[in-house]
N, C-alpha and C. Protein backbone atom coordinates (compact mmCIF):
# COMPACT_ATOMS: atom_id res chain seq x y z
N MET A 1 34.20 21.82 -10.08
CA MET A 1 33.05 20.93 -10.21
C MET A 1 32.02 21.56 -11.15
N SER A 2 31.58 20.81 -12.13
CA SER A 2 30.59 21.31 -13.07
C SER A 2 29.19 21.03 -12.54
N LYS A 3 28.24 21.75 -13.11
CA LYS A 3 26.84 21.55 -12.75
C LYS A 3 26.04 21.32 -14.01
N PRO A 4 25.00 20.48 -13.91
CA PRO A 4 24.13 20.34 -15.07
C PRO A 4 23.46 21.67 -15.43
N TYR A 5 23.17 21.85 -16.70
CA TYR A 5 22.41 23.01 -17.17
C TYR A 5 21.07 23.03 -16.44
N VAL A 6 20.41 21.88 -16.38
CA VAL A 6 19.16 21.73 -15.64
C VAL A 6 18.99 20.26 -15.30
N VAL A 7 18.36 20.00 -14.16
CA VAL A 7 18.02 18.65 -13.73
C VAL A 7 16.50 18.52 -13.83
N LEU A 8 16.04 17.53 -14.58
CA LEU A 8 14.61 17.30 -14.75
C LEU A 8 14.13 16.22 -13.79
N ILE A 9 13.04 16.54 -13.07
CA ILE A 9 12.44 15.57 -12.17
C ILE A 9 10.94 15.50 -12.46
N GLY A 10 10.32 14.44 -12.01
CA GLY A 10 8.88 14.27 -12.18
C GLY A 10 8.54 12.81 -12.24
N THR A 11 7.27 12.53 -12.18
CA THR A 11 6.81 11.15 -12.20
C THR A 11 6.94 10.57 -13.60
N MET A 12 6.79 9.26 -13.71
CA MET A 12 6.82 8.63 -15.03
C MET A 12 5.70 9.23 -15.86
N GLY A 13 6.00 9.43 -17.14
CA GLY A 13 5.00 10.02 -18.03
C GLY A 13 5.04 11.53 -18.07
N ALA A 14 5.90 12.14 -17.28
CA ALA A 14 6.00 13.61 -17.28
C ALA A 14 6.74 14.11 -18.51
N GLY A 15 7.56 13.25 -19.10
CA GLY A 15 8.30 13.64 -20.30
C GLY A 15 9.75 13.97 -20.06
N LYS A 16 10.31 13.51 -18.95
CA LYS A 16 11.69 13.86 -18.62
C LYS A 16 12.68 13.47 -19.71
N THR A 17 12.56 12.27 -20.22
CA THR A 17 13.49 11.80 -21.25
C THR A 17 13.22 12.48 -22.59
N THR A 18 11.98 12.51 -22.99
CA THR A 18 11.62 13.14 -24.27
C THR A 18 11.99 14.61 -24.28
N VAL A 19 11.56 15.34 -23.26
CA VAL A 19 11.83 16.77 -23.16
C VAL A 19 13.32 17.01 -22.96
N GLY A 20 13.94 16.18 -22.15
CA GLY A 20 15.37 16.32 -21.89
C GLY A 20 16.20 16.21 -23.15
N ARG A 21 15.91 15.21 -23.96
CA ARG A 21 16.65 15.03 -25.22
C ARG A 21 16.45 16.24 -26.15
N LEU A 22 15.19 16.67 -26.28
CA LEU A 22 14.89 17.80 -27.17
C LEU A 22 15.52 19.10 -26.67
N LEU A 23 15.45 19.33 -25.38
CA LEU A 23 16.03 20.54 -24.79
C LEU A 23 17.54 20.54 -24.97
N ALA A 24 18.17 19.41 -24.71
CA ALA A 24 19.62 19.31 -24.88
C ALA A 24 20.00 19.58 -26.33
N GLN A 25 19.28 18.98 -27.25
CA GLN A 25 19.54 19.17 -28.68
C GLN A 25 19.40 20.65 -29.05
N ARG A 26 18.35 21.26 -28.58
CA ARG A 26 18.07 22.66 -28.88
C ARG A 26 19.16 23.59 -28.34
N ARG A 27 19.72 23.25 -27.18
CA ARG A 27 20.74 24.08 -26.54
C ARG A 27 22.16 23.67 -26.93
N GLY A 28 22.30 22.62 -27.72
CA GLY A 28 23.63 22.14 -28.10
C GLY A 28 24.37 21.50 -26.94
N LEU A 29 23.62 20.84 -26.07
CA LEU A 29 24.19 20.20 -24.88
C LEU A 29 24.02 18.69 -24.97
N SER A 30 24.70 17.98 -24.09
CA SER A 30 24.51 16.54 -24.03
C SER A 30 23.33 16.23 -23.10
N PHE A 31 22.75 15.07 -23.29
CA PHE A 31 21.64 14.62 -22.47
C PHE A 31 22.06 13.37 -21.71
N ARG A 32 21.62 13.26 -20.48
CA ARG A 32 21.93 12.08 -19.66
C ARG A 32 20.72 11.73 -18.82
N ASP A 33 20.43 10.45 -18.74
CA ASP A 33 19.31 9.94 -17.96
C ASP A 33 19.89 8.95 -16.96
N THR A 34 19.66 9.17 -15.68
CA THR A 34 20.28 8.31 -14.67
C THR A 34 19.74 6.88 -14.70
N ASP A 35 18.52 6.67 -15.18
CA ASP A 35 18.04 5.29 -15.34
C ASP A 35 18.91 4.55 -16.35
N HIS A 36 19.28 5.26 -17.42
CA HIS A 36 20.16 4.64 -18.43
C HIS A 36 21.55 4.38 -17.84
N ASP A 37 22.01 5.30 -16.98
CA ASP A 37 23.30 5.10 -16.32
C ASP A 37 23.29 3.83 -15.48
N VAL A 38 22.19 3.63 -14.74
CA VAL A 38 22.07 2.44 -13.89
C VAL A 38 22.09 1.18 -14.76
N GLU A 39 21.36 1.21 -15.86
CA GLU A 39 21.32 0.05 -16.75
C GLU A 39 22.70 -0.25 -17.33
N ALA A 40 23.40 0.79 -17.74
CA ALA A 40 24.75 0.61 -18.30
C ALA A 40 25.71 0.05 -17.25
N GLN A 41 25.61 0.55 -16.05
CA GLN A 41 26.49 0.12 -14.96
C GLN A 41 26.22 -1.32 -14.56
N ASP A 42 24.93 -1.65 -14.43
CA ASP A 42 24.54 -2.97 -13.93
C ASP A 42 24.46 -4.04 -15.02
N GLY A 43 24.23 -3.60 -16.25
CA GLY A 43 24.10 -4.56 -17.34
C GLY A 43 22.72 -5.17 -17.47
N ARG A 44 21.77 -4.65 -16.70
CA ARG A 44 20.39 -5.13 -16.77
C ARG A 44 19.44 -3.95 -16.92
N ALA A 45 18.26 -4.22 -17.47
CA ALA A 45 17.23 -3.19 -17.56
C ALA A 45 16.71 -2.88 -16.16
N VAL A 46 16.23 -1.66 -15.96
CA VAL A 46 15.69 -1.26 -14.66
C VAL A 46 14.63 -2.27 -14.20
N SER A 47 13.74 -2.67 -15.11
CA SER A 47 12.68 -3.61 -14.73
C SER A 47 13.27 -4.95 -14.25
N ASP A 48 14.36 -5.38 -14.87
CA ASP A 48 14.99 -6.64 -14.44
C ASP A 48 15.67 -6.49 -13.08
N ILE A 49 16.27 -5.35 -12.83
CA ILE A 49 16.89 -5.10 -11.51
C ILE A 49 15.82 -5.18 -10.43
N PHE A 50 14.67 -4.52 -10.68
CA PHE A 50 13.57 -4.54 -9.71
C PHE A 50 13.13 -5.97 -9.43
N VAL A 51 12.89 -6.74 -10.50
CA VAL A 51 12.36 -8.09 -10.36
C VAL A 51 13.39 -9.04 -9.74
N GLU A 52 14.62 -8.98 -10.22
CA GLU A 52 15.64 -9.95 -9.80
C GLU A 52 16.33 -9.58 -8.49
N SER A 53 16.50 -8.28 -8.22
CA SER A 53 17.27 -7.88 -7.04
C SER A 53 16.48 -7.03 -6.05
N GLY A 54 15.32 -6.54 -6.47
CA GLY A 54 14.48 -5.76 -5.56
C GLY A 54 14.67 -4.25 -5.70
N GLU A 55 13.67 -3.54 -5.23
CA GLU A 55 13.69 -2.08 -5.33
C GLU A 55 14.84 -1.46 -4.53
N ALA A 56 15.14 -2.02 -3.36
CA ALA A 56 16.21 -1.44 -2.53
C ALA A 56 17.55 -1.44 -3.27
N THR A 57 17.85 -2.53 -3.97
CA THR A 57 19.08 -2.60 -4.75
C THR A 57 19.08 -1.55 -5.85
N PHE A 58 17.94 -1.46 -6.55
CA PHE A 58 17.85 -0.45 -7.60
C PHE A 58 18.07 0.95 -7.03
N ARG A 59 17.43 1.26 -5.91
CA ARG A 59 17.55 2.60 -5.32
C ARG A 59 18.99 2.91 -4.92
N GLU A 60 19.73 1.93 -4.47
CA GLU A 60 21.15 2.14 -4.14
C GLU A 60 21.94 2.50 -5.40
N LEU A 61 21.72 1.73 -6.45
CA LEU A 61 22.41 1.98 -7.72
C LEU A 61 22.01 3.36 -8.26
N GLU A 62 20.75 3.68 -8.13
CA GLU A 62 20.24 4.97 -8.62
C GLU A 62 20.88 6.14 -7.87
N ALA A 63 20.96 6.03 -6.55
CA ALA A 63 21.54 7.11 -5.74
C ALA A 63 22.99 7.37 -6.14
N LYS A 64 23.75 6.30 -6.39
CA LYS A 64 25.14 6.46 -6.83
C LYS A 64 25.21 7.12 -8.21
N ALA A 65 24.33 6.68 -9.11
CA ALA A 65 24.32 7.24 -10.47
C ALA A 65 23.98 8.73 -10.44
N VAL A 66 23.00 9.11 -9.61
CA VAL A 66 22.61 10.51 -9.52
C VAL A 66 23.74 11.35 -8.94
N ALA A 67 24.36 10.87 -7.88
CA ALA A 67 25.45 11.62 -7.24
C ALA A 67 26.59 11.85 -8.24
N GLU A 68 26.93 10.82 -9.00
CA GLU A 68 28.01 10.95 -9.98
C GLU A 68 27.63 11.92 -11.09
N ALA A 69 26.41 11.82 -11.59
CA ALA A 69 25.96 12.68 -12.69
C ALA A 69 25.88 14.14 -12.26
N LEU A 70 25.45 14.39 -11.04
CA LEU A 70 25.35 15.77 -10.56
C LEU A 70 26.73 16.42 -10.48
N GLN A 71 27.77 15.62 -10.26
CA GLN A 71 29.12 16.16 -10.18
C GLN A 71 29.80 16.32 -11.53
N SER A 72 29.42 15.50 -12.49
CA SER A 72 30.21 15.47 -13.72
C SER A 72 29.49 15.91 -14.99
N HIS A 73 28.18 15.97 -14.97
CA HIS A 73 27.43 16.26 -16.21
C HIS A 73 27.07 17.73 -16.31
N GLU A 74 27.37 18.32 -17.46
CA GLU A 74 27.09 19.75 -17.65
C GLU A 74 25.88 20.02 -18.53
N GLY A 75 25.29 18.98 -19.09
CA GLY A 75 24.15 19.17 -19.99
C GLY A 75 22.83 19.06 -19.25
N VAL A 76 21.85 18.48 -19.94
CA VAL A 76 20.52 18.27 -19.38
C VAL A 76 20.52 16.88 -18.73
N LEU A 77 20.08 16.83 -17.48
CA LEU A 77 20.09 15.60 -16.71
C LEU A 77 18.68 15.24 -16.28
N ALA A 78 18.23 14.03 -16.63
CA ALA A 78 16.92 13.54 -16.20
C ALA A 78 17.11 12.48 -15.13
N LEU A 79 16.38 12.64 -14.03
CA LEU A 79 16.44 11.65 -12.95
C LEU A 79 15.24 10.72 -13.06
N GLY A 80 15.41 9.49 -12.60
CA GLY A 80 14.29 8.57 -12.54
C GLY A 80 13.22 9.12 -11.60
N GLY A 81 11.99 8.71 -11.83
CA GLY A 81 10.86 9.25 -11.07
C GLY A 81 10.99 9.13 -9.57
N GLY A 82 11.62 8.06 -9.08
CA GLY A 82 11.74 7.86 -7.64
C GLY A 82 13.04 8.33 -7.03
N ALA A 83 13.93 8.90 -7.82
CA ALA A 83 15.25 9.29 -7.31
C ALA A 83 15.16 10.26 -6.14
N VAL A 84 14.18 11.16 -6.17
CA VAL A 84 14.07 12.18 -5.12
C VAL A 84 13.52 11.63 -3.81
N LEU A 85 13.16 10.36 -3.78
CA LEU A 85 12.70 9.76 -2.53
C LEU A 85 13.85 9.62 -1.54
N ASN A 86 15.07 9.58 -2.05
CA ASN A 86 16.26 9.43 -1.22
C ASN A 86 16.65 10.79 -0.63
N PRO A 87 16.68 10.90 0.70
CA PRO A 87 17.03 12.18 1.33
C PRO A 87 18.43 12.68 0.95
N ASP A 88 19.37 11.76 0.73
CA ASP A 88 20.72 12.16 0.32
C ASP A 88 20.68 12.79 -1.07
N THR A 89 19.88 12.23 -1.96
CA THR A 89 19.73 12.78 -3.30
C THR A 89 19.10 14.16 -3.23
N ARG A 90 18.08 14.31 -2.40
CA ARG A 90 17.44 15.63 -2.25
C ARG A 90 18.45 16.66 -1.76
N ALA A 91 19.31 16.26 -0.84
CA ALA A 91 20.34 17.18 -0.33
C ALA A 91 21.33 17.55 -1.44
N LEU A 92 21.69 16.57 -2.27
CA LEU A 92 22.63 16.83 -3.36
C LEU A 92 22.04 17.77 -4.41
N LEU A 93 20.73 17.82 -4.52
CA LEU A 93 20.07 18.69 -5.51
C LEU A 93 20.09 20.16 -5.11
N GLU A 94 20.36 20.43 -3.84
CA GLU A 94 20.42 21.83 -3.39
C GLU A 94 21.50 22.56 -4.17
N GLY A 95 21.17 23.75 -4.64
CA GLY A 95 22.12 24.55 -5.40
C GLY A 95 22.09 24.27 -6.89
N HIS A 96 21.28 23.31 -7.31
CA HIS A 96 21.13 23.00 -8.73
C HIS A 96 19.83 23.60 -9.24
N ARG A 97 19.76 23.83 -10.55
CA ARG A 97 18.53 24.27 -11.20
C ARG A 97 17.72 23.02 -11.46
N VAL A 98 16.63 22.84 -10.72
CA VAL A 98 15.83 21.62 -10.79
C VAL A 98 14.44 21.97 -11.31
N LEU A 99 14.10 21.40 -12.47
CA LEU A 99 12.81 21.65 -13.11
C LEU A 99 11.90 20.45 -12.91
N PHE A 100 10.80 20.68 -12.18
CA PHE A 100 9.79 19.65 -11.96
C PHE A 100 8.80 19.70 -13.11
N LEU A 101 8.80 18.65 -13.93
CA LEU A 101 7.83 18.53 -15.02
C LEU A 101 6.59 17.87 -14.42
N LYS A 102 5.62 18.69 -14.12
CA LYS A 102 4.39 18.23 -13.47
C LYS A 102 3.45 17.71 -14.54
N VAL A 103 2.75 16.62 -14.24
CA VAL A 103 1.83 16.04 -15.22
C VAL A 103 0.58 15.55 -14.49
N GLY A 104 -0.55 15.71 -15.14
CA GLY A 104 -1.80 15.22 -14.59
C GLY A 104 -1.97 13.73 -14.86
N LEU A 105 -2.90 13.12 -14.16
CA LEU A 105 -3.12 11.68 -14.27
C LEU A 105 -3.47 11.26 -15.69
N ALA A 106 -4.37 11.98 -16.36
CA ALA A 106 -4.81 11.57 -17.69
C ALA A 106 -3.63 11.53 -18.66
N ASP A 107 -2.82 12.60 -18.67
CA ASP A 107 -1.67 12.64 -19.57
C ASP A 107 -0.63 11.59 -19.19
N ALA A 108 -0.36 11.44 -17.90
CA ALA A 108 0.64 10.46 -17.47
C ALA A 108 0.22 9.05 -17.86
N ALA A 109 -1.03 8.70 -17.63
CA ALA A 109 -1.51 7.35 -17.96
C ALA A 109 -1.43 7.10 -19.46
N LYS A 110 -1.78 8.12 -20.26
CA LYS A 110 -1.68 7.99 -21.72
C LYS A 110 -0.24 7.76 -22.15
N ARG A 111 0.67 8.51 -21.55
CA ARG A 111 2.07 8.45 -21.97
C ARG A 111 2.77 7.16 -21.57
N VAL A 112 2.41 6.58 -20.42
CA VAL A 112 3.10 5.36 -19.99
C VAL A 112 2.43 4.11 -20.55
N GLY A 113 1.25 4.23 -21.13
CA GLY A 113 0.58 3.07 -21.71
C GLY A 113 0.29 2.02 -20.67
N LEU A 114 0.57 0.79 -20.99
CA LEU A 114 0.30 -0.30 -20.04
C LEU A 114 1.43 -0.52 -19.06
N GLY A 115 2.51 0.23 -19.21
CA GLY A 115 3.58 0.20 -18.22
C GLY A 115 4.32 -1.12 -18.12
N VAL A 116 4.35 -1.90 -19.20
CA VAL A 116 4.97 -3.22 -19.11
C VAL A 116 6.45 -3.16 -18.76
N SER A 117 7.14 -2.08 -19.10
CA SER A 117 8.57 -1.99 -18.77
C SER A 117 8.78 -1.14 -17.52
N ARG A 118 7.70 -0.84 -16.82
CA ARG A 118 7.80 0.01 -15.63
C ARG A 118 7.42 -0.78 -14.39
N PRO A 119 8.41 -1.20 -13.62
CA PRO A 119 8.14 -2.09 -12.49
C PRO A 119 7.24 -1.49 -11.41
N MET A 120 7.22 -0.18 -11.29
CA MET A 120 6.37 0.44 -10.27
C MET A 120 4.90 0.41 -10.66
N LEU A 121 4.59 -0.04 -11.89
CA LEU A 121 3.20 -0.01 -12.37
C LEU A 121 2.55 -1.38 -12.45
N LEU A 122 3.14 -2.38 -11.86
CA LEU A 122 2.55 -3.71 -11.94
C LEU A 122 1.16 -3.67 -11.31
N GLY A 123 0.20 -4.27 -12.02
CA GLY A 123 -1.18 -4.26 -11.51
C GLY A 123 -2.00 -3.19 -12.20
N ASN A 124 -2.76 -2.44 -11.44
CA ASN A 124 -3.65 -1.40 -11.94
C ASN A 124 -2.84 -0.17 -12.33
N VAL A 125 -2.55 -0.02 -13.61
CA VAL A 125 -1.65 1.04 -14.08
C VAL A 125 -2.18 2.42 -13.71
N ARG A 126 -3.42 2.72 -14.06
CA ARG A 126 -3.97 4.07 -13.80
C ARG A 126 -4.00 4.37 -12.29
N GLY A 127 -4.42 3.40 -11.51
CA GLY A 127 -4.47 3.60 -10.05
C GLY A 127 -3.08 3.80 -9.46
N ARG A 128 -2.13 3.06 -9.97
CA ARG A 128 -0.75 3.17 -9.46
C ARG A 128 -0.13 4.51 -9.86
N VAL A 129 -0.37 4.96 -11.10
CA VAL A 129 0.14 6.27 -11.53
C VAL A 129 -0.45 7.36 -10.65
N LYS A 130 -1.75 7.27 -10.38
CA LYS A 130 -2.42 8.26 -9.53
C LYS A 130 -1.78 8.29 -8.14
N GLN A 131 -1.55 7.11 -7.57
CA GLN A 131 -0.93 7.00 -6.25
C GLN A 131 0.47 7.62 -6.24
N LEU A 132 1.27 7.30 -7.28
CA LEU A 132 2.64 7.83 -7.35
C LEU A 132 2.63 9.35 -7.48
N ILE A 133 1.73 9.88 -8.30
CA ILE A 133 1.64 11.33 -8.46
C ILE A 133 1.29 11.98 -7.11
N GLU A 134 0.30 11.42 -6.43
CA GLU A 134 -0.13 11.99 -5.14
C GLU A 134 0.97 11.90 -4.08
N GLU A 135 1.66 10.77 -4.03
CA GLU A 135 2.71 10.58 -3.02
C GLU A 135 3.94 11.44 -3.28
N ARG A 136 4.31 11.57 -4.56
CA ARG A 136 5.60 12.19 -4.88
C ARG A 136 5.53 13.68 -5.18
N THR A 137 4.39 14.20 -5.58
CA THR A 137 4.32 15.62 -5.95
C THR A 137 4.84 16.54 -4.85
N PRO A 138 4.47 16.35 -3.59
CA PRO A 138 5.03 17.25 -2.56
C PRO A 138 6.56 17.17 -2.46
N ILE A 139 7.12 16.00 -2.71
CA ILE A 139 8.58 15.85 -2.67
C ILE A 139 9.21 16.56 -3.87
N TYR A 140 8.63 16.35 -5.06
CA TYR A 140 9.14 17.05 -6.24
C TYR A 140 9.10 18.56 -6.02
N GLU A 141 7.98 19.05 -5.51
CA GLU A 141 7.83 20.50 -5.29
C GLU A 141 8.83 21.02 -4.27
N SER A 142 9.18 20.19 -3.29
CA SER A 142 10.11 20.63 -2.25
C SER A 142 11.54 20.81 -2.75
N VAL A 143 11.92 20.08 -3.79
CA VAL A 143 13.29 20.20 -4.31
C VAL A 143 13.39 21.03 -5.58
N ALA A 144 12.25 21.29 -6.22
CA ALA A 144 12.26 22.02 -7.49
C ALA A 144 12.54 23.50 -7.29
N THR A 145 13.34 24.05 -8.19
CA THR A 145 13.51 25.50 -8.23
C THR A 145 12.59 26.10 -9.29
N LEU A 146 12.11 25.24 -10.20
CA LEU A 146 11.18 25.64 -11.27
C LEU A 146 10.14 24.54 -11.42
N VAL A 147 8.88 24.93 -11.71
CA VAL A 147 7.81 23.95 -11.91
C VAL A 147 7.10 24.28 -13.22
N LEU A 148 6.93 23.25 -14.06
CA LEU A 148 6.26 23.42 -15.34
C LEU A 148 5.19 22.35 -15.49
N ASP A 149 3.93 22.77 -15.60
CA ASP A 149 2.83 21.83 -15.80
C ASP A 149 2.80 21.45 -17.27
N THR A 150 3.03 20.18 -17.56
CA THR A 150 3.11 19.71 -18.94
C THR A 150 1.77 19.22 -19.48
N SER A 151 0.75 19.21 -18.65
CA SER A 151 -0.55 18.66 -19.06
C SER A 151 -1.09 19.35 -20.30
N GLY A 152 -1.46 18.55 -21.28
CA GLY A 152 -2.06 19.08 -22.50
C GLY A 152 -1.08 19.72 -23.47
N LEU A 153 0.21 19.70 -23.14
CA LEU A 153 1.21 20.33 -24.00
C LEU A 153 1.96 19.27 -24.80
N SER A 154 2.38 19.65 -26.00
CA SER A 154 3.22 18.76 -26.81
C SER A 154 4.65 18.84 -26.27
N PRO A 155 5.47 17.84 -26.59
CA PRO A 155 6.87 17.92 -26.16
C PRO A 155 7.55 19.21 -26.62
N THR A 156 7.26 19.65 -27.83
CA THR A 156 7.87 20.89 -28.35
C THR A 156 7.45 22.09 -27.51
N GLN A 157 6.18 22.14 -27.14
CA GLN A 157 5.71 23.26 -26.31
C GLN A 157 6.38 23.23 -24.94
N VAL A 158 6.51 22.04 -24.38
CA VAL A 158 7.16 21.91 -23.07
C VAL A 158 8.61 22.36 -23.16
N VAL A 159 9.31 21.95 -24.21
CA VAL A 159 10.71 22.33 -24.39
C VAL A 159 10.84 23.85 -24.49
N GLU A 160 9.99 24.48 -25.26
CA GLU A 160 10.04 25.94 -25.40
C GLU A 160 9.83 26.64 -24.06
N LEU A 161 8.83 26.20 -23.31
CA LEU A 161 8.56 26.80 -22.00
C LEU A 161 9.70 26.50 -21.02
N ALA A 162 10.19 25.27 -21.04
CA ALA A 162 11.29 24.90 -20.14
C ALA A 162 12.53 25.75 -20.42
N GLU A 163 12.83 25.94 -21.70
CA GLU A 163 13.99 26.74 -22.06
C GLU A 163 13.83 28.18 -21.56
N GLN A 164 12.65 28.73 -21.73
CA GLN A 164 12.40 30.10 -21.25
C GLN A 164 12.57 30.18 -19.74
N MET A 165 12.03 29.20 -19.04
CA MET A 165 12.12 29.20 -17.57
C MET A 165 13.57 29.07 -17.11
N VAL A 166 14.29 28.12 -17.70
CA VAL A 166 15.68 27.88 -17.28
C VAL A 166 16.54 29.10 -17.59
N GLU A 167 16.40 29.61 -18.79
CA GLU A 167 17.20 30.79 -19.17
C GLU A 167 16.84 31.99 -18.28
N GLY A 168 15.57 32.15 -17.98
CA GLY A 168 15.15 33.25 -17.10
C GLY A 168 15.75 33.10 -15.71
N SER A 169 15.84 31.85 -15.22
CA SER A 169 16.37 31.62 -13.87
C SER A 169 17.89 31.81 -13.83
N ARG A 170 18.54 31.68 -14.96
CA ARG A 170 20.00 31.84 -15.00
C ARG A 170 20.41 33.30 -14.84
N HIS A 171 19.49 34.20 -15.14
CA HIS A 171 19.82 35.62 -15.13
C HIS A 171 19.29 36.34 -13.90
N GLU A 172 18.78 35.57 -12.96
CA GLU A 172 18.25 36.20 -11.73
C GLU A 172 19.35 36.45 -10.73
């Protein structure tokens, strides 16, 4: 059974996809995002799954996608922001190198914009991002083996720090 080089977790706007792609490219690895896996499997965008079938359906599809990716992907793996809400997913993350890309409210709100393609942000975007950060940070911290605060950093700076952290953890 293979293991991902690193699993990236964090709230929307933390940079999981952007940093994940850059880190994978820098390390000569493949990149995989479980939200994209769900979309490919279901044939609909995440936002459409939420609207048409509900969050529970999306979370089921997401849990399956994460379980499969954790078993088969050897590169950089980014999980959707809510994937760690599932206790089974949290259990599957044990033994993996999990990097929590922590982000402050100001940076997260800037990065997600008006959140039109983000179903969890319907309504007051800034207030909802704040709520998600507050609710999920303790869960992210509980499963993370590494934590990197991305606030105020460029994607390149985050990638450089992430690479140092991951490589350092591989030699412990």
